[in-house]
Amino acid sequence: MRNLVSIFALAVLIVTSLTSCFDPEPGELIARCFLNDRERSCVVMVYGSNGKQIQEVSTDSNGVGYIEALVPDTYTLKFKDISGNMYPAVATVKLVSGASLPVNIELNNEDGMPNS
């Protein structure tokens, strides 16, 4: 019986060690921007949980921007127009491994909540 417990404990240790060796799968955020309920082109600035800007993406004419190759983390999104004027909207989203997370944001939304 003691050998069986030892083998089980060893198996658990091996599985745990192997699982920690795998990198989390990258994910993406799909930002869709609106101004007064109409699609709006803008620039999306992406900040990691450490507060540093890691990406900046321009949306297309439909207000859609893809922010790809992101590791699982909590991200803060800030928005500006093509002239560099900041919108009041700020979105905070949590991305998990391998996810493709849509984030719909009203650019004049001052409470900072995404409409996802």
C-alpha atoms as a PDB file:
ATOM      1  CA  MET A   1       0.000   0.000   0.000  1.00  0.00           C
ATOM      2  CA  ARG A   2       2.845   2.349   0.887  1.00  0.00           C
ATOM      3  CA  ASN A   3       4.398   1.807  -2.566  1.00  0.00           C
ATOM      4  CA  LEU A   4       1.104   2.641  -4.266  1.00  0.00           C
ATOM      5  CA  VAL A   5       0.859   5.953  -2.348  1.00  0.00           C
ATOM      6  CA  SER A   6       4.472   6.766  -3.228  1.00  0.00           C
ATOM      7  CA  ILE A   7       3.867   6.042  -6.911  1.00  0.00           C
ATOM      8  CA  PHE A   8       0.727   8.206  -6.885  1.00  0.00           C
ATOM      9  CA  ALA A   9       2.579  11.084  -5.195  1.00  0.00           C
ATOM     10  CA  LEU A  10       5.403  10.807  -7.733  1.00  0.00           C
ATOM     11  CA  ALA A  11       2.919  10.812 -10.620  1.00  0.00           C
ATOM     12  CA  VAL A  12       1.236  13.954  -9.257  1.00  0.00           C
ATOM     13  CA  LEU A  13       4.617  15.658  -8.902  1.00  0.00           C
ATOM     14  CA  ILE A  14       5.590  14.782 -12.487  1.00  0.00           C
ATOM     15  CA  VAL A  15       2.285  15.979 -13.952  1.00  0.00           C
ATOM     16  CA  THR A  16       2.477  19.230 -11.971  1.00  0.00           C
ATOM     17  CA  SER A  17       6.051  19.828 -13.113  1.00  0.00           C
ATOM     18  CA  LEU A  18       5.227  19.156 -16.756  1.00  0.00           C
ATOM     19  CA  THR A  19       2.163  21.405 -16.712  1.00  0.00           C
ATOM     20  CA  SER A  20       4.164  24.328 -15.373  1.00  0.00           C
ATOM     21  CA  CYS A  21       6.623  23.966 -18.292  1.00  0.00           C
ATOM     22  CA  PHE A  22       4.027  24.874 -20.906  1.00  0.00           C
ATOM     23  CA  ASP A  23       3.619  28.520 -21.822  1.00  0.00           C
ATOM     24  CA  PRO A  24       0.093  29.918 -21.764  1.00  0.00           C
ATOM     25  CA  GLU A  25      -1.510  30.249 -25.164  1.00  0.00           C
ATOM     26  CA  PRO A  26      -1.602  33.824 -26.542  1.00  0.00           C
ATOM     27  CA  GLY A  27      -4.965  35.478 -26.942  1.00  0.00           C
ATOM     28  CA  GLU A  28      -6.440  38.547 -28.583  1.00  0.00           C
ATOM     29  CA  LEU A  29      -8.723  41.462 -27.842  1.00  0.00           C
ATOM     30  CA  ILE A  30     -11.134  42.675 -30.492  1.00  0.00           C
ATOM     31  CA  ALA A  31     -11.893  46.318 -29.755  1.00  0.00           C
ATOM     32  CA  ARG A  32     -14.990  47.796 -31.359  1.00  0.00           C
ATOM     33  CA  CYS A  33     -15.303  51.542 -30.832  1.00  0.00           C
ATOM     34  CA  PHE A  34     -18.443  53.661 -30.949  1.00  0.00           C
ATOM     35  CA  LEU A  35     -19.041  57.381 -30.592  1.00  0.00           C
ATOM     36  CA  ASN A  36     -22.661  58.349 -29.955  1.00  0.00           C
ATOM     37  CA  ASP A  37     -23.688  54.795 -30.909  1.00  0.00           C
ATOM     38  CA  ARG A  38     -21.930  54.944 -34.315  1.00  0.00           C
ATOM     39  CA  GLU A  39     -18.808  52.999 -35.305  1.00  0.00           C
ATOM     40  CA  ARG A  40     -15.767  55.226 -34.997  1.00  0.00           C
ATOM     41  CA  SER A  41     -12.141  54.882 -36.085  1.00  0.00           C
ATOM     42  CA  CYS A  42      -9.692  55.543 -33.285  1.00  0.00           C
ATOM     43  CA  VAL A  43      -6.355  54.531 -31.837  1.00  0.00           C
ATOM     44  CA  VAL A  44      -6.385  51.923 -29.056  1.00  0.00           C
ATOM     45  CA  MET A  45      -3.521  52.055 -26.557  1.00  0.00           C
ATOM     46  CA  VAL A  46      -2.972  48.825 -24.613  1.00  0.00           C
ATOM     47  CA  TYR A  47      -1.377  48.780 -21.156  1.00  0.00           C
ATOM     48  CA  GLY A  48      -0.355  45.665 -19.233  1.00  0.00           C
ATOM     49  CA  SER A  49      -1.001  45.096 -15.544  1.00  0.00           C
ATOM     50  CA  ASN A  50       2.398  46.687 -14.831  1.00  0.00           C
ATOM     51  CA  GLY A  51       1.081  50.016 -16.232  1.00  0.00           C
ATOM     52  CA  LYS A  52       3.412  50.059 -19.249  1.00  0.00           C
ATOM     53  CA  GLN A  53       2.053  50.569 -22.742  1.00  0.00           C
ATOM     54  CA  ILE A  54       2.645  47.423 -24.790  1.00  0.00           C
ATOM     55  CA  GLN A  55       0.744  48.042 -28.037  1.00  0.00           C
ATOM     56  CA  GLU A  56      -1.019  50.718 -30.025  1.00  0.00           C
ATOM     57  CA  VAL A  57      -3.493  49.713 -32.726  1.00  0.00           C
ATOM     58  CA  SER A  58      -5.579  51.785 -35.142  1.00  0.00           C
ATOM     59  CA  THR A  59      -9.108  50.567 -35.773  1.00  0.00           C
ATOM     60  CA  ASP A  60     -10.561  50.308 -39.257  1.00  0.00           C
ATOM     61  CA  SER A  61     -13.374  52.469 -40.669  1.00  0.00           C
ATOM     62  CA  ASN A  62     -15.888  50.254 -38.845  1.00  0.00           C
ATOM     63  CA  GLY A  63     -14.184  50.987 -35.518  1.00  0.00           C
ATOM     64  CA  VAL A  64     -12.726  47.466 -35.197  1.00  0.00           C
ATOM     65  CA  GLY A  65      -9.158  46.818 -34.088  1.00  0.00           C
ATOM     66  CA  TYR A  66      -7.404  43.531 -33.380  1.00  0.00           C
ATOM     67  CA  ILE A  67      -4.880  43.404 -30.558  1.00  0.00           C
ATOM     68  CA  GLU A  68      -3.100  40.097 -30.991  1.00  0.00           C
ATOM     69  CA  ALA A  69      -0.421  37.918 -29.387  1.00  0.00           C
ATOM     70  CA  LEU A  70      -1.315  38.894 -25.823  1.00  0.00           C
ATOM     71  CA  VAL A  71      -0.362  36.734 -22.867  1.00  0.00           C
ATOM     72  CA  PRO A  72      -3.030  36.142 -20.209  1.00  0.00           C
ATOM     73  CA  ASP A  73      -3.177  39.294 -18.061  1.00  0.00           C
ATOM     74  CA  THR A  74      -5.408  42.183 -17.073  1.00  0.00           C
ATOM     75  CA  TYR A  75      -5.187  44.944 -19.669  1.00  0.00           C
ATOM     76  CA  THR A  76      -6.228  48.584 -19.643  1.00  0.00           C
ATOM     77  CA  LEU A  77      -7.339  50.113 -22.937  1.00  0.00           C
ATOM     78  CA  LYS A  78      -7.278  53.858 -23.566  1.00  0.00           C
ATOM     79  CA  PHE A  79      -8.479  55.580 -26.698  1.00  0.00           C
ATOM     80  CA  LYS A  80      -7.600  58.632 -28.778  1.00  0.00           C
ATOM     81  CA  ASP A  81      -8.633  60.066 -32.119  1.00  0.00           C
ATOM     82  CA  ILE A  82      -6.241  60.270 -35.074  1.00  0.00           C
ATOM     83  CA  SER A  83      -5.224  63.794 -33.994  1.00  0.00           C
ATOM     84  CA  GLY A  84      -4.106  62.506 -30.592  1.00  0.00           C
ATOM     85  CA  ASN A  85      -7.046  63.837 -28.541  1.00  0.00           C
ATOM     86  CA  MET A  86      -7.916  61.428 -25.742  1.00  0.00           C
ATOM     87  CA  TYR A  87     -11.431  60.056 -25.286  1.00  0.00           C
ATOM     88  CA  PRO A  88     -12.726  59.744 -21.706  1.00  0.00           C
ATOM     89  CA  ALA A  89     -13.371  56.000 -22.058  1.00  0.00           C
ATOM     90  CA  VAL A  90     -11.054  53.531 -20.331  1.00  0.00           C
ATOM     91  CA  ALA A  91     -11.675  49.786 -20.376  1.00  0.00           C
ATOM     92  CA  THR A  92     -10.104  47.180 -18.101  1.00  0.00           C
ATOM     93  CA  VAL A  93     -10.353  43.587 -19.312  1.00  0.00           C
ATOM     94  CA  LYS A  94      -8.996  40.251 -18.146  1.00  0.00           C
ATOM     95  CA  LEU A  95      -7.702  37.993 -20.904  1.00  0.00           C
ATOM     96  CA  VAL A  96      -7.315  34.267 -20.240  1.00  0.00           C
ATOM     97  CA  SER A  97      -5.114  31.811 -22.126  1.00  0.00           C
ATOM     98  CA  GLY A  98      -6.117  31.352 -25.757  1.00  0.00           C
ATOM     99  CA  ALA A  99      -9.171  33.628 -25.587  1.00  0.00           C
ATOM    100  CA  SER A 100     -10.505  35.894 -28.306  1.00  0.00           C
ATOM    101  CA  LEU A 101     -12.265  38.550 -26.250  1.00  0.00           C
ATOM    102  CA  PRO A 102     -14.548  41.185 -27.846  1.00  0.00           C
ATOM    103  CA  VAL A 103     -14.599  44.591 -26.147  1.00  0.00           C
ATOM    104  CA  ASN A 104     -17.290  47.045 -27.282  1.00  0.00           C
ATOM    105  CA  ILE A 105     -16.570  50.536 -26.011  1.00  0.00           C
ATOM    106  CA  GLU A 106     -18.526  53.778 -26.157  1.00  0.00           C
ATOM    107  CA  LEU A 107     -15.769  56.378 -26.483  1.00  0.00           C
ATOM    108  CA  ASN A 108     -17.654  59.119 -24.646  1.00  0.00           C
ATOM    109  CA  ASN A 109     -18.509  56.786 -21.748  1.00  0.00           C
ATOM    110  CA  GLU A 110     -16.905  58.509 -18.759  1.00  0.00           C
ATOM    111  CA  ASP A 111     -17.523  55.733 -16.245  1.00  0.00           C
ATOM    112  CA  GLY A 112     -14.879  53.660 -18.000  1.00  0.00           C
ATOM    113  CA  MET A 113     -16.956  50.517 -18.441  1.00  0.00           C
ATOM    114  CA  PRO A 114     -16.793  48.527 -21.679  1.00  0.00           C
ATOM    115  CA  ASN A 115     -20.049  47.365 -23.203  1.00  0.00           C
ATOM    116  CA  SER A 116     -18.883  43.783 -23.814  1.00  0.00           C
END
